């Protein structure tokens, strides 16, 4: 069983290594760009602030975390954040 899990882990890692640099492009193509709207809507619902923390787990290329930080920084301008 341990060998099976190690092989599976290696296969998943290989797939990720092959597609990670094209991940967002693939999402654009598969969703016709709608995934960008979903992400913006998600962040609007979350209403991030500087005293909140976000854990971005298995969300592709970390773009949700990047949008989150960008929104926090916009709210921070002019404040000591």
N, C-alpha and C. Protein backbone atom coordinates (compact mmCIF):
# COMPACT_ATOMS: atom_id res chain seq x y z
N UNK A 1 0.82 -1.19 0.00
CA UNK A 1 0.00 0.00 0.00
C UNK A 1 0.87 1.26 0.00
N UNK A 2 1.93 1.24 0.80
CA UNK A 2 2.82 2.39 0.88
C UNK A 2 3.45 2.69 -0.49
N UNK A 3 3.84 1.66 -1.19
CA UNK A 3 4.43 1.83 -2.53
C UNK A 3 3.41 2.43 -3.49
N UNK A 4 2.17 1.96 -3.41
CA UNK A 4 1.10 2.50 -4.25
C UNK A 4 0.91 3.99 -4.00
N UNK A 5 0.87 4.39 -2.75
CA UNK A 5 0.70 5.80 -2.41
C UNK A 5 1.87 6.64 -2.90
N UNK A 6 3.07 6.12 -2.76
CA UNK A 6 4.26 6.83 -3.24
C UNK A 6 4.20 7.02 -4.76
N UNK A 7 3.79 5.95 -5.48
CA UNK A 7 3.67 6.04 -6.94
C UNK A 7 2.60 7.06 -7.33
N UNK A 8 1.48 7.02 -6.64
CA UNK A 8 0.39 7.95 -6.93
C UNK A 8 0.83 9.39 -6.67
N UNK A 9 1.52 9.61 -5.58
CA UNK A 9 2.03 10.94 -5.25
C UNK A 9 2.97 11.43 -6.35
N UNK A 10 3.83 10.55 -6.82
CA UNK A 10 4.74 10.91 -7.90
C UNK A 10 4.01 11.26 -9.19
N UNK A 11 2.97 10.49 -9.51
CA UNK A 11 2.19 10.76 -10.72
C UNK A 11 1.49 12.12 -10.63
N UNK A 12 0.89 12.41 -9.49
CA UNK A 12 0.21 13.69 -9.30
C UNK A 12 1.21 14.83 -9.40
N UNK A 13 2.37 14.67 -8.77
CA UNK A 13 3.40 15.70 -8.82
C UNK A 13 3.87 15.93 -10.26
N UNK A 14 4.03 14.88 -11.02
CA UNK A 14 4.45 15.02 -12.42
C UNK A 14 3.41 15.77 -13.25
N UNK A 15 2.13 15.45 -13.04
CA UNK A 15 1.07 16.17 -13.77
C UNK A 15 1.12 17.65 -13.41
N UNK A 16 1.21 17.94 -12.12
CA UNK A 16 1.26 19.34 -11.69
C UNK A 16 2.47 20.05 -12.30
N UNK A 17 3.62 19.41 -12.27
CA UNK A 17 4.83 20.01 -12.82
C UNK A 17 4.69 20.33 -14.31
N UNK A 18 3.90 19.55 -15.01
CA UNK A 18 3.72 19.75 -16.44
C UNK A 18 2.72 20.84 -16.77
N UNK A 19 1.77 21.10 -15.87
CA UNK A 19 0.70 22.04 -16.21
C UNK A 19 0.70 23.33 -15.40
N UNK A 20 1.50 23.43 -14.35
CA UNK A 20 1.36 24.57 -13.44
C UNK A 20 1.54 25.91 -14.12
N UNK A 21 2.45 26.01 -15.09
CA UNK A 21 2.69 27.31 -15.72
C UNK A 21 1.60 27.69 -16.72
N UNK A 22 0.73 26.75 -17.05
CA UNK A 22 -0.39 27.02 -17.96
C UNK A 22 -1.74 26.90 -17.25
N UNK A 23 -1.72 26.76 -15.94
CA UNK A 23 -2.93 26.48 -15.16
C UNK A 23 -4.00 27.56 -15.35
N UNK A 24 -3.62 28.81 -15.20
CA UNK A 24 -4.61 29.89 -15.34
C UNK A 24 -5.13 29.99 -16.76
N UNK A 25 -4.27 29.78 -17.74
CA UNK A 25 -4.71 29.78 -19.14
C UNK A 25 -5.71 28.65 -19.38
N UNK A 26 -5.42 27.47 -18.83
CA UNK A 26 -6.35 26.34 -18.98
C UNK A 26 -7.69 26.67 -18.35
N UNK A 27 -7.67 27.30 -17.17
CA UNK A 27 -8.92 27.70 -16.53
C UNK A 27 -9.67 28.71 -17.38
N UNK A 28 -8.95 29.66 -17.99
CA UNK A 28 -9.59 30.63 -18.87
C UNK A 28 -10.29 29.92 -20.03
N UNK A 29 -9.60 28.98 -20.63
CA UNK A 29 -10.17 28.27 -21.77
C UNK A 29 -11.36 27.40 -21.38
N UNK A 30 -11.21 26.66 -20.29
CA UNK A 30 -12.27 25.73 -19.89
C UNK A 30 -13.51 26.44 -19.37
N UNK A 31 -13.33 27.60 -18.73
CA UNK A 31 -14.49 28.30 -18.17
C UNK A 31 -14.89 29.52 -19.00
N UNK A 32 -14.20 29.71 -20.11
CA UNK A 32 -14.42 30.88 -20.96
C UNK A 32 -14.22 32.18 -20.16
N UNK A 33 -13.31 32.13 -19.20
CA UNK A 33 -12.95 33.30 -18.40
C UNK A 33 -13.86 33.55 -17.21
N UNK A 34 -14.90 32.74 -17.06
CA UNK A 34 -15.86 32.96 -15.98
C UNK A 34 -15.22 32.72 -14.60
N UNK A 35 -14.18 31.90 -14.53
CA UNK A 35 -13.55 31.62 -13.24
C UNK A 35 -13.00 32.90 -12.61
N UNK A 36 -12.63 33.87 -13.42
CA UNK A 36 -12.14 35.14 -12.88
C UNK A 36 -13.26 35.90 -12.17
N UNK A 37 -14.44 35.84 -12.73
CA UNK A 37 -15.61 36.48 -12.10
C UNK A 37 -15.96 35.77 -10.80
N UNK A 38 -15.90 34.42 -10.81
CA UNK A 38 -16.19 33.66 -9.60
C UNK A 38 -15.23 34.06 -8.48
N UNK A 39 -13.96 34.19 -8.83
CA UNK A 39 -12.95 34.54 -7.81
C UNK A 39 -13.19 35.94 -7.27
N UNK A 40 -13.51 36.88 -8.12
CA UNK A 40 -13.80 38.23 -7.65
C UNK A 40 -15.04 38.24 -6.77
N UNK A 41 -16.07 37.49 -7.15
CA UNK A 41 -17.29 37.39 -6.34
C UNK A 41 -16.99 36.76 -4.99
N UNK A 42 -16.17 35.73 -4.98
CA UNK A 42 -15.77 35.08 -3.72
C UNK A 42 -15.12 36.09 -2.79
N UNK A 43 -14.19 36.86 -3.32
CA UNK A 43 -13.49 37.84 -2.50
C UNK A 43 -14.42 38.96 -2.05
N UNK A 44 -15.36 39.35 -2.88
CA UNK A 44 -16.34 40.35 -2.46
C UNK A 44 -17.20 39.83 -1.32
N UNK A 45 -17.58 38.55 -1.38
CA UNK A 45 -18.36 37.96 -0.29
C UNK A 45 -17.54 37.86 0.99
N UNK A 46 -16.25 37.58 0.85
CA UNK A 46 -15.38 37.46 2.03
C UNK A 46 -15.12 38.82 2.67
N UNK A 47 -15.17 39.89 1.87
CA UNK A 47 -14.93 41.24 2.36
C UNK A 47 -13.67 41.30 3.22
N UNK A 48 -12.51 41.02 2.63
CA UNK A 48 -11.28 40.92 3.42
C UNK A 48 -10.90 42.23 4.09
N UNK A 49 -10.30 42.08 5.25
CA UNK A 49 -9.75 43.24 5.95
C UNK A 49 -8.37 42.87 6.47
N UNK A 50 -7.66 43.86 6.92
CA UNK A 50 -6.26 43.65 7.30
C UNK A 50 -6.11 42.79 8.55
N UNK A 51 -7.14 42.67 9.37
CA UNK A 51 -7.02 41.85 10.58
C UNK A 51 -7.48 40.41 10.37
N UNK A 52 -7.81 40.04 9.14
CA UNK A 52 -8.20 38.67 8.82
C UNK A 52 -7.02 37.93 8.22
N UNK A 53 -7.07 36.63 8.34
CA UNK A 53 -6.06 35.78 7.71
C UNK A 53 -6.75 34.86 6.71
N UNK A 54 -6.04 34.52 5.67
CA UNK A 54 -6.56 33.64 4.63
C UNK A 54 -5.61 32.47 4.47
N UNK A 55 -6.15 31.28 4.43
CA UNK A 55 -5.35 30.10 4.11
C UNK A 55 -5.83 29.62 2.75
N UNK A 56 -4.95 29.70 1.77
CA UNK A 56 -5.26 29.31 0.39
C UNK A 56 -4.75 27.88 0.21
N UNK A 57 -5.65 26.91 0.35
CA UNK A 57 -5.26 25.51 0.29
C UNK A 57 -5.71 24.90 -1.03
N UNK A 58 -4.74 24.42 -1.79
CA UNK A 58 -5.01 23.71 -3.04
C UNK A 58 -5.89 24.52 -3.99
N UNK A 59 -5.56 25.78 -4.14
CA UNK A 59 -6.36 26.66 -5.00
C UNK A 59 -5.60 27.01 -6.28
N UNK A 60 -4.85 26.07 -6.78
CA UNK A 60 -4.17 26.31 -8.06
C UNK A 60 -2.89 27.09 -7.88
N UNK A 61 -2.85 28.26 -8.45
CA UNK A 61 -1.61 29.04 -8.48
C UNK A 61 -1.55 30.12 -7.41
N UNK A 62 -2.44 30.07 -6.46
CA UNK A 62 -2.44 31.05 -5.39
C UNK A 62 -3.06 32.38 -5.79
N UNK A 63 -3.78 32.39 -6.89
CA UNK A 63 -4.33 33.66 -7.37
C UNK A 63 -5.41 34.21 -6.46
N UNK A 64 -6.13 33.35 -5.75
CA UNK A 64 -7.12 33.85 -4.79
C UNK A 64 -6.42 34.59 -3.66
N UNK A 65 -5.32 34.04 -3.18
CA UNK A 65 -4.56 34.71 -2.13
C UNK A 65 -4.00 36.04 -2.63
N UNK A 66 -3.57 36.09 -3.87
CA UNK A 66 -3.05 37.33 -4.44
C UNK A 66 -4.14 38.40 -4.52
N UNK A 67 -5.34 38.01 -4.95
CA UNK A 67 -6.45 38.95 -5.04
C UNK A 67 -6.83 39.42 -3.63
N UNK A 68 -6.82 38.51 -2.68
CA UNK A 68 -7.13 38.83 -1.29
C UNK A 68 -6.17 39.90 -0.76
N UNK A 69 -4.88 39.69 -0.96
CA UNK A 69 -3.87 40.66 -0.50
C UNK A 69 -4.05 42.01 -1.19
N UNK A 70 -4.33 41.98 -2.47
CA UNK A 70 -4.52 43.22 -3.22
C UNK A 70 -5.70 44.01 -2.65
N UNK A 71 -6.81 43.30 -2.35
CA UNK A 71 -7.99 43.98 -1.78
C UNK A 71 -7.67 44.54 -0.40
N UNK A 72 -6.92 43.81 0.41
CA UNK A 72 -6.53 44.28 1.74
C UNK A 72 -5.66 45.52 1.63
N UNK A 73 -4.75 45.54 0.71
CA UNK A 73 -3.85 46.68 0.54
C UNK A 73 -4.62 47.92 0.10
N UNK A 74 -5.63 47.74 -0.75
CA UNK A 74 -6.44 48.89 -1.17
C UNK A 74 -7.16 49.49 0.02
N UNK A 75 -7.66 48.63 0.91
CA UNK A 75 -8.35 49.13 2.10
C UNK A 75 -7.37 49.76 3.08
N UNK A 76 -6.12 49.35 2.99
CA UNK A 76 -5.09 49.79 3.92
C UNK A 76 -4.53 51.17 3.59
N UNK A 77 -4.59 51.59 2.38
CA UNK A 77 -3.98 52.85 1.98
C UNK A 77 -4.43 53.98 2.88
N UNK A 78 -3.46 54.70 3.39
CA UNK A 78 -3.76 55.81 4.26
C UNK A 78 -3.85 55.41 5.73
N UNK A 79 -3.88 54.12 6.00
CA UNK A 79 -3.91 53.63 7.38
C UNK A 79 -2.58 52.98 7.72
N UNK A 80 -2.34 52.72 8.96
CA UNK A 80 -1.14 52.01 9.38
C UNK A 80 -1.43 50.53 9.38
N UNK A 81 -1.21 49.88 8.25
CA UNK A 81 -1.51 48.45 8.13
C UNK A 81 -0.25 47.68 7.85
